[in-house]
Amino acid sequence: MLKRFHLHTLFSSLLLLILLLPEANAMPAFARDYKMSCATCHAAFPKLNEFGESFAASNFRLPNWKDNTVATGDDMLALAKTPPVAFRAQAFAQARDAEAIDVSSGETTEVDSDFQSPYLIKVLSSAPLSEHITYYFYAIFAEKGGNGETIVEDAWFSHDALFGSDVGMMLGQFQVSDLMFPRETRLTFQDYMAYRMAGITYDRGVIFDTTAGPVDLAVGLVNGNGIKENLTINSPGYQRSDHLFDNNTSKSIFGRIGGDIGPVSAGLFGYSGQQSNAITDTNNPAGTGSGNRQTDKNIVGLDFNGKLGNKTYWFAQALWNEWDGFINAGQNYEWFGGFVGIDYIHSPRWAHSLLYNYADAGDLENTDTIYEGIAMETLTYTASYYFMRNVKGVMEFNADLQSDVAKTGTYWTGHLTNENYFLVGFDAAF
């Protein structure tokens, strides 16, 4: 297991060196603007190919980007000829071998089938605003049955030559984990679960990145509390009400250093910050509540990826996590998670994917909290059939390889039920 590590020292060194900006969702708006096929940037929508990764690293633009702007006669104004808007929609039907179990009472609800349509509807937009500044955002109109809700996830400005240097900057809302493998470009419905369990998905902050010879470097700061928490503040005299996007004064620091080792790309990731402790009481059973005590959270990660021939892409991620005093003050909780995947682009019509998720709850086992559920082991197979470049049918099998366990504490926690599922549906971007 992970031993105590000092990430602040690591990042003090990285600050002097300062990976690529996060890679975006599938964006048909780019295909419209540049009059090129989605296949130019995508090995199989939404997975990026080498050109797509280069396009993202070039601040989401081609050298002729100004050809798509309105001729206003003003060199200080660059407006796209048409609003750069795209949409993505998903609809699924799912059969599950699972149960929903109340952590307090143990009351069980069978969960055997579900029509999940619309599963997701989102609007996306991105365009260059100047020679060095680009914006990107998307808003979700519906997700996982949350109709009537509008949620903004990715939303940022990027500058690719800060103060005329080789350092780029991105400011806004993004996924910390995008420095490794962007969740939005995966081919499987099943997620990269280690990122979600480690709490390194969406957050608000800034990233600085550059390239030093063969090495890509990035370092960033985020609020460390995701995108839902905030804090109402006011002045004792003037009483000007306002909101902080953070709910405390601390910030989390993270970074990655990466490069190619022969045919393999590798990276070292680090994160150091704080999070609220978990509490268990009458109103918050099994650690479902958050306390006011800020606890240290440290992560070290290794990621690898490569390509076999012209059709097979592979990738692997490992994360060692240390949550100091997360449940009980003075006790450190260490746990491990990761995943391995293979994408095989058989033809323009077919793509096949395998994804193995694994996590060991480590010191969180036997805590009688929901965090025992970090332990998992699944194998997922996905077949994608492309009716068009931007429209695919999806069929996915997920096998739960972990043995069920019996209730041992006060609450119903841990792997009490199986999580196999079969899913079919559609995924389109237009």
Protein backbone atom coordinates (compact mmCIF):
# COMPACT_ATOMS: atom_id res chain seq x y z
CA MET A 1 0.00 0.00 0.00
CA LEU A 2 0.86 3.65 -0.35
CA LYS A 3 3.25 5.11 2.18
CA ARG A 4 3.27 8.71 3.30
CA PHE A 5 4.35 10.97 0.48
CA HIS A 6 5.01 14.71 0.34
CA LEU A 7 3.39 16.06 -2.80
CA HIS A 8 3.88 19.72 -1.94
CA THR A 9 7.64 19.18 -2.27
CA LEU A 10 7.12 17.37 -5.57
CA PHE A 11 5.02 20.18 -7.02
CA SER A 12 7.36 22.92 -5.84
CA SER A 13 9.81 21.40 -8.30
CA LEU A 14 7.20 20.94 -11.01
CA LEU A 15 6.21 24.61 -10.80
CA LEU A 16 9.58 25.51 -12.25
CA LEU A 17 9.04 23.15 -15.18
CA ILE A 18 5.29 23.57 -15.55
CA LEU A 19 0.70 17.65 -20.64
CA LEU A 20 -1.66 18.52 -22.90
CA LEU A 21 -4.88 20.40 -22.30
CA PRO A 22 -7.89 18.18 -21.63
CA GLU A 23 -9.28 16.67 -24.80
CA ALA A 24 -12.82 17.69 -25.68
CA ASN A 25 -16.00 15.83 -26.44
CA ALA A 26 -16.88 14.89 -29.97
CA MET A 27 -17.54 18.23 -31.69
CA PRO A 28 -19.32 18.14 -35.07
CA ALA A 29 -19.05 21.95 -35.01
CA PHE A 30 -15.37 21.52 -35.88
CA ALA A 31 -16.30 19.32 -38.85
CA ARG A 32 -18.75 21.98 -40.05
CA ASP A 33 -16.30 24.85 -39.66
CA TYR A 34 -13.38 23.14 -41.37
CA LYS A 35 -15.48 21.09 -43.83
CA MET A 36 -13.83 17.80 -42.89
CA SER A 37 -15.02 14.37 -41.80
CA CYS A 38 -15.28 13.37 -38.13
CA ALA A 39 -12.85 10.59 -39.09
CA THR A 40 -10.12 13.22 -39.43
CA CYS A 41 -9.91 13.57 -35.64
CA HIS A 42 -11.63 10.42 -34.35
CA ALA A 43 -10.46 6.82 -34.63
CA ALA A 44 -14.07 5.96 -33.78
CA PHE A 45 -16.36 8.63 -32.32
CA PRO A 46 -15.75 9.85 -29.62
CA LYS A 47 -12.24 8.33 -29.34
CA LEU A 48 -9.53 10.64 -30.70
CA ASN A 49 -6.82 9.55 -33.11
CA GLU A 50 -3.35 11.06 -33.35
CA PHE A 51 -4.53 14.00 -35.46
CA GLY A 52 -7.36 14.69 -33.03
CA GLU A 53 -4.94 14.77 -30.13
CA SER A 54 -2.72 17.18 -32.08
CA PHE A 55 -5.76 19.36 -32.87
CA ALA A 56 -6.62 19.51 -29.16
CA ALA A 57 -3.02 20.35 -28.28
CA SER A 58 -3.13 23.18 -30.86
CA ASN A 59 -5.82 24.96 -28.85
CA PHE A 60 -8.64 23.35 -30.90
CA ARG A 61 -7.88 25.09 -34.17
CA LEU A 62 -6.27 24.67 -37.58
CA PRO A 63 -3.92 27.29 -39.10
CA ASN A 64 -6.73 28.54 -41.38
CA TRP A 65 -9.20 29.16 -38.55
CA LYS A 66 -9.76 32.78 -39.60
CA ASP A 67 -11.25 31.61 -42.91
CA ASN A 68 -14.38 30.71 -40.93
CA THR A 69 -14.83 34.18 -39.40
CA VAL A 70 -16.95 37.11 -40.57
CA ALA A 71 -15.13 39.72 -42.70
CA THR A 72 -15.83 42.80 -40.55
CA GLY A 73 -12.77 44.81 -41.58
CA ASP A 74 -11.74 44.93 -37.93
CA ASP A 75 -8.53 43.03 -37.13
CA MET A 76 -9.49 43.03 -33.44
CA LEU A 77 -12.74 41.12 -34.00
CA ALA A 78 -12.96 37.40 -34.91
CA LEU A 79 -16.54 36.11 -35.03
CA ALA A 80 -17.50 32.72 -36.41
CA LYS A 81 -19.76 32.94 -39.50
CA THR A 82 -22.30 30.71 -37.78
CA PRO A 83 -22.69 29.97 -34.06
CA PRO A 84 -20.42 26.95 -33.35
CA VAL A 85 -22.98 24.66 -31.72
CA ALA A 86 -23.22 20.86 -31.62
CA PHE A 87 -25.35 18.33 -29.78
CA ARG A 88 -24.88 14.87 -28.33
CA ALA A 89 -27.70 12.50 -27.39
CA GLN A 90 -27.81 9.01 -25.90
CA ALA A 91 -30.63 6.53 -25.34
CA PHE A 92 -30.34 3.05 -23.79
CA ALA A 93 -32.27 0.08 -22.54
CA GLN A 94 -30.62 -1.86 -19.73
CA ALA A 95 -31.11 -5.21 -18.01
CA ARG A 96 -29.38 -5.58 -14.63
CA ASP A 97 -28.60 -8.29 -12.14
CA ALA A 98 -28.59 -5.96 -9.14
CA GLU A 99 -30.51 -4.66 -6.15
CA ALA A 100 -30.91 -1.27 -4.49
CA ILE A 101 -30.35 -1.70 -0.72
CA ASP A 102 -31.12 0.90 1.94
CA VAL A 103 -28.01 1.31 4.12
CA SER A 104 -30.05 1.84 7.31
CA SER A 105 -32.89 -0.68 7.04
CA GLY A 106 -31.57 -3.17 4.52
CA GLU A 107 -34.80 -2.77 2.55
CA THR A 108 -34.21 -4.16 -0.93
CA THR A 109 -35.62 -3.05 -4.28
CA GLU A 110 -35.13 -5.25 -7.33
CA VAL A 111 -33.45 -3.48 -10.24
CA ASP A 112 -33.77 -5.79 -13.22
CA SER A 113 -34.67 -3.63 -16.25
CA ASP A 114 -34.84 0.01 -17.22
CA PHE A 115 -35.52 2.18 -20.28
CA GLN A 116 -32.94 4.95 -20.04
CA SER A 117 -34.05 7.39 -22.68
CA PRO A 118 -32.99 10.08 -22.93
CA TYR A 119 -29.93 9.07 -20.97
CA LEU A 120 -28.13 12.24 -21.97
CA ILE A 121 -28.76 15.37 -24.05
CA LYS A 122 -26.06 18.02 -24.18
CA VAL A 123 -25.20 21.11 -26.20
CA LEU A 124 -21.55 21.91 -26.96
CA SER A 125 -19.74 24.94 -28.32
CA SER A 126 -16.13 25.90 -28.99
CA ALA A 127 -14.28 28.36 -31.21
CA PRO A 128 -11.09 30.44 -31.36
CA LEU A 129 -11.58 34.01 -30.11
CA SER A 130 -8.12 35.35 -30.98
CA GLU A 131 -4.74 34.13 -32.18
CA HIS A 132 -4.14 32.46 -28.82
CA ILE A 133 -7.47 32.26 -26.93
CA THR A 134 -10.12 29.55 -27.35
CA TYR A 135 -13.28 28.82 -25.39
CA TYR A 136 -15.08 25.51 -24.85
CA PHE A 137 -18.19 24.55 -22.91
CA TYR A 138 -21.05 22.11 -22.83
CA ALA A 139 -24.29 22.06 -20.90
CA ILE A 140 -26.36 18.99 -20.08
CA PHE A 141 -30.12 19.36 -20.57
CA ALA A 142 -30.89 15.89 -19.26
CA GLU A 143 -28.78 13.10 -17.78
CA LYS A 144 -29.67 9.89 -15.98
CA GLY A 145 -33.34 10.81 -15.79
CA GLY A 146 -32.72 14.33 -14.49
CA ASN A 147 -35.13 16.02 -16.93
CA GLY A 148 -35.69 19.70 -16.28
CA GLU A 149 -32.16 20.19 -14.99
CA THR A 150 -29.44 22.10 -16.82
CA ILE A 151 -25.90 21.45 -15.64
CA VAL A 152 -22.72 22.96 -17.05
CA GLU A 153 -19.69 20.65 -16.77
CA ASP A 154 -16.71 21.52 -18.99
CA ALA A 155 -16.45 25.32 -19.36
CA TRP A 156 -13.12 27.06 -19.83
CA PHE A 157 -10.94 29.58 -21.65
CA SER A 158 -7.49 28.54 -22.83
CA HIS A 159 -4.49 30.63 -23.86
CA ASP A 160 -1.70 28.78 -25.68
CA ALA A 161 1.13 31.34 -25.26
CA LEU A 162 0.85 33.08 -21.94
CA PHE A 163 2.70 36.44 -22.00
CA GLY A 164 4.34 35.36 -25.25
CA SER A 165 5.93 32.28 -23.67
CA ASP A 166 5.66 28.57 -24.44
CA VAL A 167 3.41 28.11 -21.42
CA GLY A 168 -0.30 27.55 -21.98
CA MET A 169 -3.05 28.24 -19.47
CA MET A 170 -6.60 26.97 -19.06
CA LEU A 171 -8.98 28.67 -16.63
CA GLY A 172 -12.44 27.38 -15.78
CA GLN A 173 -14.23 24.15 -15.03
CA PHE A 174 -12.73 20.84 -16.16
CA GLN A 175 -11.88 17.31 -15.08
CA VAL A 176 -8.58 16.90 -13.25
CA SER A 177 -8.44 13.32 -14.56
CA ASP A 178 -8.38 14.61 -18.16
CA LEU A 179 -4.62 15.03 -17.75
CA MET A 180 -4.51 11.24 -17.99
CA PHE A 181 -7.48 9.70 -19.85
CA PRO A 182 -10.50 11.89 -20.69
CA ARG A 183 -13.68 10.14 -19.58
CA GLU A 184 -15.71 11.93 -22.26
CA THR A 185 -13.83 10.23 -25.12
CA ARG A 186 -14.12 6.64 -23.88
CA LEU A 187 -15.93 4.07 -26.05
CA THR A 188 -17.53 2.17 -23.16
CA PHE A 189 -20.68 3.14 -21.29
CA GLN A 190 -18.92 1.83 -18.17
CA ASP A 191 -16.85 4.56 -16.55
CA TYR A 192 -13.22 4.82 -15.48
CA MET A 193 -14.33 4.19 -11.90
CA ALA A 194 -11.05 4.95 -10.11
CA TYR A 195 -11.31 8.62 -11.14
CA ARG A 196 -14.80 8.97 -9.72
CA MET A 197 -14.00 7.18 -6.47
CA ALA A 198 -10.82 9.25 -5.99
CA GLY A 199 -12.78 12.46 -6.52
CA ILE A 200 -10.63 13.85 -9.35
CA THR A 201 -13.30 14.51 -11.96
CA TYR A 202 -14.99 17.93 -12.36
CA ASP A 203 -13.57 20.88 -10.45
CA ARG A 204 -12.86 24.59 -10.90
CA GLY A 205 -9.39 26.02 -11.25
CA VAL A 206 -6.44 26.68 -13.53
CA ILE A 207 -3.88 24.54 -15.38
CA PHE A 208 -0.51 25.64 -16.77
CA ASP A 209 1.18 23.39 -19.34
CA THR A 210 4.25 23.34 -21.54
CA THR A 211 6.63 21.00 -23.35
CA ALA A 212 10.29 20.68 -22.43
CA GLY A 213 11.96 18.67 -25.17
CA PRO A 214 10.40 15.19 -25.14
CA VAL A 215 8.55 15.82 -21.87
CA ASP A 216 5.04 17.23 -21.38
CA LEU A 217 4.47 19.03 -18.10
CA ALA A 218 1.34 20.37 -16.41
CA VAL A 219 0.54 21.78 -12.99
CA GLY A 220 -2.73 23.15 -11.68
CA LEU A 221 -4.76 24.45 -8.77
CA VAL A 222 -8.44 23.68 -8.10
CA ASN A 223 -10.94 24.43 -5.34
CA GLY A 224 -10.96 20.74 -4.50
CA ASN A 225 -14.69 20.52 -3.79
CA GLY A 226 -16.12 19.62 -7.19
CA ILE A 227 -18.67 21.81 -8.98
CA LYS A 228 -21.67 21.67 -6.62
CA GLU A 229 -20.42 23.06 -3.30
CA ASN A 230 -20.22 26.79 -2.61
CA LEU A 231 -20.28 29.20 0.32
CA THR A 232 -22.43 32.30 0.83
CA ILE A 233 -20.38 35.19 2.17
CA ASN A 234 -21.09 38.80 3.15
CA SER A 235 -19.36 41.84 4.61
CA PRO A 236 -20.20 42.77 8.24
CA GLY A 237 -20.72 46.38 7.23
CA TYR A 238 -22.01 46.68 3.69
CA GLN A 239 -23.75 43.27 3.71
CA ARG A 240 -23.00 42.58 0.04
CA SER A 241 -24.13 39.01 -0.43
CA ASP A 242 -21.95 36.88 -2.65
CA HIS A 243 -20.96 33.26 -3.26
CA LEU A 244 -17.58 31.63 -3.23
CA PHE A 245 -17.29 28.74 -5.67
CA ASP A 246 -15.29 27.03 -2.93
CA ASN A 247 -16.64 26.11 0.50
CA ASN A 248 -13.32 26.66 2.32
CA THR A 249 -10.11 28.61 1.84
CA SER A 250 -7.84 25.72 0.86
CA LYS A 251 -6.88 24.81 -2.70
CA SER A 252 -5.69 21.50 -4.15
CA ILE A 253 -2.53 21.29 -6.23
CA PHE A 254 -1.96 18.63 -8.89
CA GLY A 255 0.23 17.92 -11.87
CA ARG A 256 1.53 15.42 -14.34
CA ILE A 257 4.83 14.83 -16.12
CA GLY A 258 4.72 12.58 -19.17
CA GLY A 259 6.51 11.49 -22.29
CA ASP A 260 7.21 8.64 -24.67
CA ILE A 261 9.33 5.63 -23.79
CA GLY A 262 9.76 3.95 -27.14
CA PRO A 263 6.28 3.00 -28.39
CA VAL A 264 4.71 3.61 -24.96
CA SER A 265 3.47 6.92 -23.56
CA ALA A 266 3.76 7.16 -19.78
CA GLY A 267 2.92 9.69 -17.12
CA LEU A 268 3.34 10.37 -13.41
CA PHE A 269 0.43 12.17 -11.71
CA GLY A 270 0.24 13.71 -8.26
CA TYR A 271 -2.49 15.45 -6.26
CA SER A 272 -2.48 17.01 -2.82
CA GLY A 273 -5.39 18.79 -1.18
CA GLN A 274 -8.10 18.52 1.43
CA GLN A 275 -11.60 17.16 1.70
CA SER A 276 -14.34 17.19 4.34
CA ASN A 277 -14.40 14.22 6.70
CA ALA A 278 -17.13 11.59 6.54
CA ILE A 279 -19.53 11.41 9.50
CA THR A 280 -22.02 8.85 10.73
CA ASP A 281 -24.97 9.88 12.88
CA THR A 282 -28.75 9.53 13.03
CA ASN A 283 -29.28 11.73 9.98
CA ASN A 284 -26.21 10.51 8.09
CA PRO A 285 -25.99 6.72 8.38
CA ALA A 286 -22.94 4.74 7.24
CA GLY A 287 -20.73 7.78 6.62
CA THR A 288 -23.12 9.43 4.16
CA GLY A 289 -22.66 12.88 5.76
CA SER A 290 -19.81 15.38 5.47
CA GLY A 291 -18.34 17.08 8.51
CA ASN A 292 -16.61 20.42 9.01
CA ARG A 293 -13.17 18.95 9.67
CA GLN A 294 -10.82 19.31 6.69
CA THR A 295 -8.66 16.24 6.11
CA ASP A 296 -5.61 15.74 3.89
CA LYS A 297 -6.08 13.92 0.59
CA ASN A 298 -3.07 12.74 -1.44
CA ILE A 299 -2.91 10.78 -4.69
CA VAL A 300 -0.09 9.37 -6.81
CA GLY A 301 -0.88 7.91 -10.22
CA LEU A 302 0.85 6.14 -13.08
CA ASP A 303 -0.66 5.98 -16.57
CA PHE A 304 0.46 4.17 -19.71
CA ASN A 305 -0.91 3.92 -23.23
CA GLY A 306 0.16 2.78 -26.66
CA LYS A 307 -0.90 1.38 -29.99
CA LEU A 308 -0.53 -2.08 -31.51
CA GLY A 309 -0.55 -1.90 -35.28
CA ASN A 310 -3.02 0.52 -36.83
CA LYS A 311 -6.20 -0.67 -35.14
CA THR A 312 -5.56 -1.50 -31.49
CA TYR A 313 -5.22 1.08 -28.71
CA TRP A 314 -4.42 0.11 -25.12
CA PHE A 315 -4.28 2.11 -21.90
CA ALA A 316 -3.75 1.52 -18.17
CA GLN A 317 -4.11 3.61 -15.03
CA ALA A 318 -3.09 3.04 -11.38
CA LEU A 319 -3.96 5.37 -8.47
CA TRP A 320 -2.65 5.14 -4.89
CA ASN A 321 -4.81 7.16 -2.51
CA GLU A 322 -4.24 8.34 1.05
CA TRP A 323 -7.07 10.01 2.99
CA ASP A 324 -5.75 11.16 6.38
CA GLY A 325 -8.29 11.24 9.20
CA PHE A 326 -11.15 10.84 6.74
CA ILE A 327 -13.42 8.90 9.12
CA ASN A 328 -11.64 8.87 12.46
CA ALA A 329 -9.26 11.70 13.33
CA GLY A 330 -5.66 10.58 13.56
CA GLN A 331 -6.14 7.49 11.39
CA ASN A 332 -4.90 7.32 7.80
CA TYR A 333 -6.90 5.45 5.16
CA GLU A 334 -5.04 4.12 2.14
CA TRP A 335 -6.67 2.46 -0.86
CA PHE A 336 -5.83 1.57 -4.46
CA GLY A 337 -7.76 1.75 -7.72
CA GLY A 338 -7.14 1.50 -11.43
CA PHE A 339 -8.24 0.22 -14.81
CA VAL A 340 -6.91 -1.36 -18.01
CA GLY A 341 -8.55 -1.06 -21.42
CA ILE A 342 -8.23 -2.07 -25.07
CA ASP A 343 -10.03 -0.48 -28.03
CA TYR A 344 -9.96 -2.38 -31.33
CA ILE A 345 -11.14 -0.36 -34.34
CA HIS A 346 -12.03 -3.29 -36.58
CA SER A 347 -13.40 -1.23 -39.49
CA PRO A 348 -15.19 2.05 -40.21
CA ARG A 349 -18.38 0.27 -39.06
CA TRP A 350 -17.24 -1.71 -36.01
CA ALA A 351 -15.27 -0.98 -32.84
CA HIS A 352 -14.76 -3.35 -29.91
CA SER A 353 -13.64 -2.43 -26.40
CA LEU A 354 -12.61 -4.25 -23.23
CA LEU A 355 -12.37 -2.42 -19.90
CA TYR A 356 -11.24 -3.91 -16.58
CA ASN A 357 -11.94 -1.87 -13.44
CA TYR A 358 -10.36 -2.81 -10.12
CA ALA A 359 -10.22 -1.22 -6.68
CA ASP A 360 -9.10 -2.41 -3.25
CA ALA A 361 -10.79 -0.47 -0.42
CA GLY A 362 -7.74 -1.08 1.78
CA ASP A 363 -8.10 0.67 5.14
CA LEU A 364 -11.69 1.61 4.32
CA GLU A 365 -12.74 -2.02 4.62
CA ASN A 366 -14.71 -2.92 7.74
CA THR A 367 -15.40 0.74 8.56
CA ASP A 368 -19.16 0.16 8.39
CA THR A 369 -19.45 3.03 5.90
CA ILE A 370 -20.45 3.35 2.26
CA TYR A 371 -16.73 3.69 1.44
CA GLU A 372 -16.39 -0.08 1.76
CA GLY A 373 -18.10 0.00 -1.64
CA ILE A 374 -14.92 1.35 -3.23
CA ALA A 375 -13.84 -2.29 -3.56
CA MET A 376 -14.78 -3.52 -7.04
CA GLU A 377 -13.72 -5.77 -9.89
CA THR A 378 -15.55 -5.69 -13.22
CA LEU A 379 -14.89 -6.66 -16.84
CA THR A 380 -16.80 -4.83 -19.57
CA TYR A 381 -17.13 -5.67 -23.28
CA THR A 382 -18.56 -3.08 -25.68
CA ALA A 383 -19.40 -3.46 -29.36
CA SER A 384 -20.09 -0.25 -31.30
CA TYR A 385 -21.67 -0.29 -34.77
CA TYR A 386 -21.43 2.97 -36.73
CA PHE A 387 -24.45 3.68 -38.90
CA MET A 388 -22.68 6.92 -39.79
CA ARG A 389 -19.46 8.53 -38.56
CA ASN A 390 -21.42 10.35 -35.85
CA VAL A 391 -24.19 7.84 -35.08
CA LYS A 392 -23.56 4.48 -33.48
CA GLY A 393 -25.42 1.63 -31.91
CA VAL A 394 -23.96 0.30 -28.66
CA MET A 395 -24.16 -3.14 -27.06
CA GLU A 396 -22.37 -3.66 -23.75
CA PHE A 397 -21.96 -6.52 -21.25
CA ASN A 398 -20.60 -5.88 -17.77
CA ALA A 399 -19.51 -8.82 -15.59
CA ASP A 400 -19.08 -8.31 -11.84
CA LEU A 401 -16.12 -10.50 -10.82
CA GLN A 402 -16.27 -9.65 -7.13
CA SER A 403 -17.82 -12.06 -4.63
CA ASP A 404 -20.80 -10.86 -2.63
CA VAL A 405 -20.28 -10.37 1.10
CA ALA A 406 -22.67 -10.64 4.03
CA LYS A 407 -23.60 -7.74 6.28
CA THR A 408 -21.12 -7.52 9.18
CA GLY A 409 -21.76 -4.17 10.88
CA THR A 410 -24.64 -1.95 11.90
CA TYR A 411 -25.35 -0.84 8.35
CA TRP A 412 -25.87 -2.61 5.04
CA THR A 413 -22.64 -1.64 3.27
CA GLY A 414 -20.06 -3.22 1.00
CA HIS A 415 -20.58 -5.55 -1.94
CA LEU A 416 -23.89 -7.07 -0.86
CA THR A 417 -25.26 -7.67 -4.36
CA ASN A 418 -24.02 -8.42 -7.86
CA GLU A 419 -23.66 -5.70 -10.51
CA ASN A 420 -23.92 -7.50 -13.86
CA TYR A 421 -25.71 -5.67 -16.67
CA PHE A 422 -26.49 -5.78 -20.39
CA LEU A 423 -27.11 -2.55 -22.29
CA VAL A 424 -28.16 -1.61 -25.83
CA GLY A 425 -28.83 1.81 -27.32
CA PHE A 426 -27.75 4.70 -29.47
CA ASP A 427 -25.15 7.45 -29.21
CA ALA A 428 -25.09 10.34 -31.66
CA ALA A 429 -23.37 13.70 -32.11
CA PHE A 430 -24.69 16.19 -34.64
